[in-house]
């Protein structure tokens, strides 16, 4: 084990001992240390840190996050090795965040109608995506939160969703409108009739059972958004699934104002 790797282990243990989960950061640091070891480098330099942070070259959105992670680790290492260089902020181009898109009611209706036309005609798939995207639109849930919903998290009698261990490890209750409860109840009945004992614990399930894979959800969303004209074939930018959350927030604020 190299000295840098043993320093990394102590650093990760220290941060986790202070109460930080630090799982994703630890993976990034381990990748960085492997990068250093392949080059037989024993001292962190700004040049090496930037070279690692800008890999892969087509993932510019993550460059600043990767460099920020190295910066924190380098500050720690600098107290042990004065030759360590701490990469200064501002040396990478600023992150260009996607412009939020606010869906209209007509666009939401068109998307949900297109989901109901998904094949097979006698399958569960079309109802799954119809209700899944509809729930995102009326609750503002994050994609991962909706995917992670378990059957016990959906209380349709009380009209409440329980979102567990979401961003920053927080959980919360999400109220449902009566119409949303009716739609989810109808879906759960179709799901149970279609899959019987193969349903599993997830509320939203794939055609043959088990939870919905996020790559499949994104692929279906892209397909449907092209069908209804939200984006042109081949477009790599345009309305996103996360924009359901933006729409919900804006609509909620406007409704509060009007009331």
Protein backbone atom coordinates (compact mmCIF):
# COMPACT_ATOMS: atom_id res chain seq x y z
CA UNK A 1 0.00 0.00 0.00
CA UNK A 2 1.38 3.41 -0.96
CA UNK A 3 1.70 6.21 1.56
CA UNK A 4 -0.93 8.24 -0.26
CA UNK A 5 -3.43 5.38 -0.11
CA UNK A 6 -2.87 4.82 3.62
CA UNK A 7 -3.35 8.57 4.13
CA UNK A 8 -6.60 8.30 2.19
CA UNK A 9 -7.85 5.47 4.43
CA UNK A 10 -7.17 7.53 7.56
CA UNK A 11 -8.87 10.56 6.00
CA UNK A 12 -12.00 8.60 5.03
CA UNK A 13 -12.17 6.96 8.48
CA UNK A 14 -11.85 10.37 10.12
CA UNK A 15 -14.67 11.90 8.04
CA UNK A 16 -16.95 8.92 8.57
CA UNK A 17 -16.11 8.98 12.27
CA UNK A 18 -17.41 12.55 12.35
CA UNK A 19 -20.76 11.34 11.04
CA UNK A 20 -20.37 11.82 7.28
CA UNK A 21 -21.57 8.98 5.04
CA UNK A 22 -18.74 9.77 2.63
CA UNK A 23 -19.32 6.73 0.39
CA UNK A 24 -19.35 8.47 -2.99
CA UNK A 25 -16.48 10.76 -2.00
CA UNK A 26 -14.43 7.78 -0.84
CA UNK A 27 -14.92 6.15 -4.26
CA UNK A 28 -13.76 9.33 -5.99
CA UNK A 29 -10.67 9.56 -3.78
CA UNK A 30 -9.79 5.91 -4.35
CA UNK A 31 -10.04 6.49 -8.11
CA UNK A 32 -7.81 9.55 -7.82
CA UNK A 33 -5.20 7.68 -5.76
CA UNK A 34 -5.20 4.87 -8.36
CA UNK A 35 -4.66 7.52 -11.02
CA UNK A 36 -1.67 8.85 -9.04
CA UNK A 37 -0.23 5.37 -8.47
CA UNK A 38 -0.37 4.51 -12.19
CA UNK A 39 1.82 7.57 -12.81
CA UNK A 40 4.08 6.72 -9.85
CA UNK A 41 3.32 10.15 -8.42
CA UNK A 42 3.69 10.53 -4.66
CA UNK A 43 2.79 14.22 -4.36
CA UNK A 44 -0.52 15.82 -5.31
CA UNK A 45 -0.05 18.66 -7.81
CA UNK A 46 -2.59 20.99 -9.37
CA UNK A 47 -1.65 19.69 -12.83
CA UNK A 48 -2.34 16.06 -11.89
CA UNK A 49 -5.52 16.96 -10.03
CA UNK A 50 -6.93 18.83 -13.02
CA UNK A 51 -5.91 16.04 -15.39
CA UNK A 52 -7.83 13.51 -13.29
CA UNK A 53 -10.83 15.79 -12.71
CA UNK A 54 -11.33 16.36 -16.45
CA UNK A 55 -11.70 12.64 -17.18
CA UNK A 56 -13.68 11.57 -19.10
CA UNK A 57 -13.52 14.53 -21.49
CA UNK A 58 -17.22 14.39 -22.39
CA UNK A 59 -18.46 14.67 -18.78
CA UNK A 60 -17.87 18.38 -18.19
CA UNK A 61 -20.78 18.57 -15.72
CA UNK A 62 -18.83 16.46 -13.21
CA UNK A 63 -15.41 18.11 -13.60
CA UNK A 64 -15.88 20.74 -10.90
CA UNK A 65 -17.28 18.19 -8.46
CA UNK A 66 -14.31 15.91 -9.01
CA UNK A 67 -11.81 18.72 -8.56
CA UNK A 68 -13.60 19.98 -5.43
CA UNK A 69 -13.27 16.48 -3.95
CA UNK A 70 -9.52 16.43 -4.62
CA UNK A 71 -9.20 19.94 -3.18
CA UNK A 72 -10.59 18.82 0.18
CA UNK A 73 -8.34 15.77 0.29
CA UNK A 74 -5.31 17.81 -0.79
CA UNK A 75 -5.85 20.26 2.10
CA UNK A 76 -5.67 17.33 4.49
CA UNK A 77 -2.58 15.85 2.82
CA UNK A 78 -0.86 19.28 2.78
CA UNK A 79 -0.74 19.23 6.58
CA UNK A 80 1.38 16.07 6.32
CA UNK A 81 3.32 16.82 3.14
CA UNK A 82 4.18 20.52 2.61
CA UNK A 83 4.99 19.84 -1.07
CA UNK A 84 1.30 19.07 -1.74
CA UNK A 85 -0.43 21.57 -4.02
CA UNK A 86 -4.05 22.45 -3.27
CA UNK A 87 -5.89 23.17 -6.57
CA UNK A 88 -7.30 26.71 -6.36
CA UNK A 89 -10.99 27.35 -7.10
CA UNK A 90 -11.97 28.87 -10.42
CA UNK A 91 -9.47 27.07 -12.64
CA UNK A 92 -12.17 25.08 -14.44
CA UNK A 93 -14.98 26.64 -16.50
CA UNK A 94 -18.20 27.21 -14.52
CA UNK A 95 -20.89 24.56 -14.73
CA UNK A 96 -23.66 25.45 -17.16
CA UNK A 97 -26.83 24.11 -15.61
CA UNK A 98 -29.68 23.12 -17.91
CA UNK A 99 -32.39 25.76 -18.22
CA UNK A 100 -35.51 24.59 -16.35
CA UNK A 101 -38.51 23.78 -18.51
CA UNK A 102 -42.03 24.38 -17.19
CA UNK A 103 -44.46 21.92 -18.74
CA UNK A 104 -47.92 23.13 -19.67
CA UNK A 105 -51.01 21.16 -18.69
CA UNK A 106 -51.50 20.24 -22.35
CA UNK A 107 -47.95 18.83 -22.58
CA UNK A 108 -48.45 16.75 -19.45
CA UNK A 109 -51.74 15.42 -20.79
CA UNK A 110 -50.11 14.57 -24.15
CA UNK A 111 -47.20 12.76 -22.46
CA UNK A 112 -49.51 10.67 -20.28
CA UNK A 113 -51.73 9.84 -23.26
CA UNK A 114 -48.66 8.74 -25.24
CA UNK A 115 -47.61 6.52 -22.34
CA UNK A 116 -50.96 4.75 -22.50
CA UNK A 117 -50.23 3.89 -26.14
CA UNK A 118 -47.03 1.97 -25.28
CA UNK A 119 -47.03 -1.68 -26.34
CA UNK A 120 -48.11 -4.29 -25.54
CA UNK A 121 -51.77 -3.31 -25.55
CA UNK A 122 -52.65 -5.94 -22.94
CA UNK A 123 -49.55 -5.37 -20.80
CA UNK A 124 -48.82 -3.51 -17.57
CA UNK A 125 -46.04 -1.36 -19.04
CA UNK A 126 -48.23 1.41 -20.43
CA UNK A 127 -50.12 1.80 -17.14
CA UNK A 128 -46.87 1.82 -15.18
CA UNK A 129 -45.39 4.72 -17.13
CA UNK A 130 -48.71 6.57 -17.32
CA UNK A 131 -49.02 6.55 -13.52
CA UNK A 132 -45.29 6.98 -12.88
CA UNK A 133 -44.93 10.19 -14.92
CA UNK A 134 -48.29 11.40 -13.65
CA UNK A 135 -47.13 10.99 -10.05
CA UNK A 136 -43.95 12.95 -10.75
CA UNK A 137 -46.02 15.78 -12.22
CA UNK A 138 -48.47 16.11 -9.31
CA UNK A 139 -46.07 15.54 -6.40
CA UNK A 140 -42.70 16.91 -7.50
CA UNK A 141 -40.93 13.71 -6.42
CA UNK A 142 -37.38 13.15 -7.60
CA UNK A 143 -36.92 10.30 -10.06
CA UNK A 144 -35.00 8.20 -7.53
CA UNK A 145 -37.70 8.78 -4.90
CA UNK A 146 -40.50 7.54 -7.14
CA UNK A 147 -38.42 4.52 -8.25
CA UNK A 148 -37.66 3.68 -4.63
CA UNK A 149 -41.27 3.72 -3.42
CA UNK A 150 -42.21 0.46 -1.75
CA UNK A 151 -45.75 -0.87 -1.48
CA UNK A 152 -45.84 -0.04 2.24
CA UNK A 153 -44.79 3.55 1.47
CA UNK A 154 -48.02 4.25 -0.45
CA UNK A 155 -50.96 4.71 1.93
CA UNK A 156 -53.92 5.30 -0.36
CA UNK A 157 -56.44 5.26 2.50
CA UNK A 158 -54.73 8.18 4.23
CA UNK A 159 -53.58 9.69 0.93
CA UNK A 160 -49.91 9.93 1.93
CA UNK A 161 -46.60 8.79 0.45
CA UNK A 162 -43.63 8.10 2.70
CA UNK A 163 -40.35 9.02 1.00
CA UNK A 164 -37.51 7.37 2.91
CA UNK A 165 -33.85 8.33 3.13
CA UNK A 166 -33.84 10.72 0.19
CA UNK A 167 -31.39 13.57 -0.46
CA UNK A 168 -29.09 14.19 2.53
CA UNK A 169 -30.59 11.09 4.17
CA UNK A 170 -33.89 12.82 4.98
CA UNK A 171 -37.37 11.28 4.90
CA UNK A 172 -40.69 13.08 4.45
CA UNK A 173 -44.43 12.63 3.98
CA UNK A 174 -46.03 13.68 0.69
CA UNK A 175 -49.82 14.25 0.62
CA UNK A 176 -51.84 13.00 -2.35
CA UNK A 177 -54.94 14.48 -3.95
CA UNK A 178 -58.01 12.24 -4.13
CA UNK A 179 -57.63 11.96 -7.91
CA UNK A 180 -54.00 10.82 -7.51
CA UNK A 181 -55.10 8.22 -4.95
CA UNK A 182 -57.73 6.92 -7.38
CA UNK A 183 -55.19 6.62 -10.21
CA UNK A 184 -52.63 4.84 -8.01
CA UNK A 185 -55.27 2.51 -6.60
CA UNK A 186 -56.31 1.55 -10.12
CA UNK A 187 -52.67 0.93 -11.05
CA UNK A 188 -51.99 -1.20 -7.97
CA UNK A 189 -55.00 -3.39 -8.79
CA UNK A 190 -53.81 -3.86 -12.38
CA UNK A 191 -50.27 -4.57 -11.15
CA UNK A 192 -51.37 -7.23 -8.68
CA UNK A 193 -53.70 -8.87 -11.21
CA UNK A 194 -50.98 -8.90 -13.87
CA UNK A 195 -48.05 -10.16 -11.79
CA UNK A 196 -49.71 -11.90 -8.84
CA UNK A 197 -46.93 -13.34 -6.63
CA UNK A 198 -44.18 -11.85 -8.85
CA UNK A 199 -44.96 -8.26 -7.79
CA UNK A 200 -42.20 -7.91 -5.22
CA UNK A 201 -41.95 -5.02 -2.77
CA UNK A 202 -41.73 -2.09 -5.21
CA UNK A 203 -44.84 -0.04 -5.91
CA UNK A 204 -43.93 0.66 -9.54
CA UNK A 205 -42.74 -2.45 -11.31
CA UNK A 206 -41.33 -3.51 -14.66
CA UNK A 207 -43.36 -5.59 -17.11
CA UNK A 208 -42.04 -8.88 -15.71
CA UNK A 209 -41.72 -7.75 -12.08
CA UNK A 210 -39.03 -6.05 -10.02
CA UNK A 211 -38.32 -2.33 -9.71
CA UNK A 212 -38.15 0.06 -12.66
CA UNK A 213 -34.56 0.59 -13.94
CA UNK A 214 -33.77 4.30 -14.27
CA UNK A 215 -32.10 3.90 -17.71
CA UNK A 216 -35.33 2.36 -19.02
CA UNK A 217 -37.38 5.20 -17.56
CA UNK A 218 -35.16 7.79 -19.24
CA UNK A 219 -35.30 5.92 -22.55
CA UNK A 220 -39.09 5.74 -22.48
CA UNK A 221 -39.33 9.42 -21.54
CA UNK A 222 -37.11 10.40 -24.48
CA UNK A 223 -39.23 8.27 -26.81
CA UNK A 224 -42.51 9.77 -25.61
CA UNK A 225 -41.23 13.35 -25.57
CA UNK A 226 -40.19 12.99 -29.23
CA UNK A 227 -43.55 11.49 -30.15
CA UNK A 228 -45.47 14.48 -28.76
CA UNK A 229 -43.04 17.09 -30.14
CA UNK A 230 -41.31 18.14 -26.92
CA UNK A 231 -37.99 17.48 -28.65
CA UNK A 232 -36.85 16.67 -32.15
CA UNK A 233 -35.24 13.34 -33.14
CA UNK A 234 -31.54 13.46 -32.31
CA UNK A 235 -31.82 16.36 -29.82
CA UNK A 236 -29.56 15.86 -26.81
CA UNK A 237 -31.09 18.77 -24.92
CA UNK A 238 -34.66 19.63 -24.08
CA UNK A 239 -37.23 19.03 -21.34
CA UNK A 240 -36.07 16.54 -18.72
CA UNK A 241 -37.72 14.26 -16.19
CA UNK A 242 -36.40 16.52 -13.41
CA UNK A 243 -38.40 19.39 -14.92
CA UNK A 244 -41.55 17.78 -13.53
CA UNK A 245 -40.17 18.88 -10.16
CA UNK A 246 -39.65 22.45 -11.38
CA UNK A 247 -43.20 22.56 -12.73
CA UNK A 248 -44.61 21.32 -9.44
CA UNK A 249 -42.71 23.94 -7.43
CA UNK A 250 -43.77 26.80 -9.70
CA UNK A 251 -47.40 25.68 -9.88
CA UNK A 252 -47.52 25.37 -6.08
CA UNK A 253 -46.16 28.89 -5.57
CA UNK A 254 -48.57 30.34 -8.13
CA UNK A 255 -51.52 28.54 -6.50
CA UNK A 256 -50.51 29.89 -3.07
CA UNK A 257 -50.34 33.39 -4.50
CA UNK A 258 -53.76 33.12 -6.15
CA UNK A 259 -55.35 31.82 -2.94
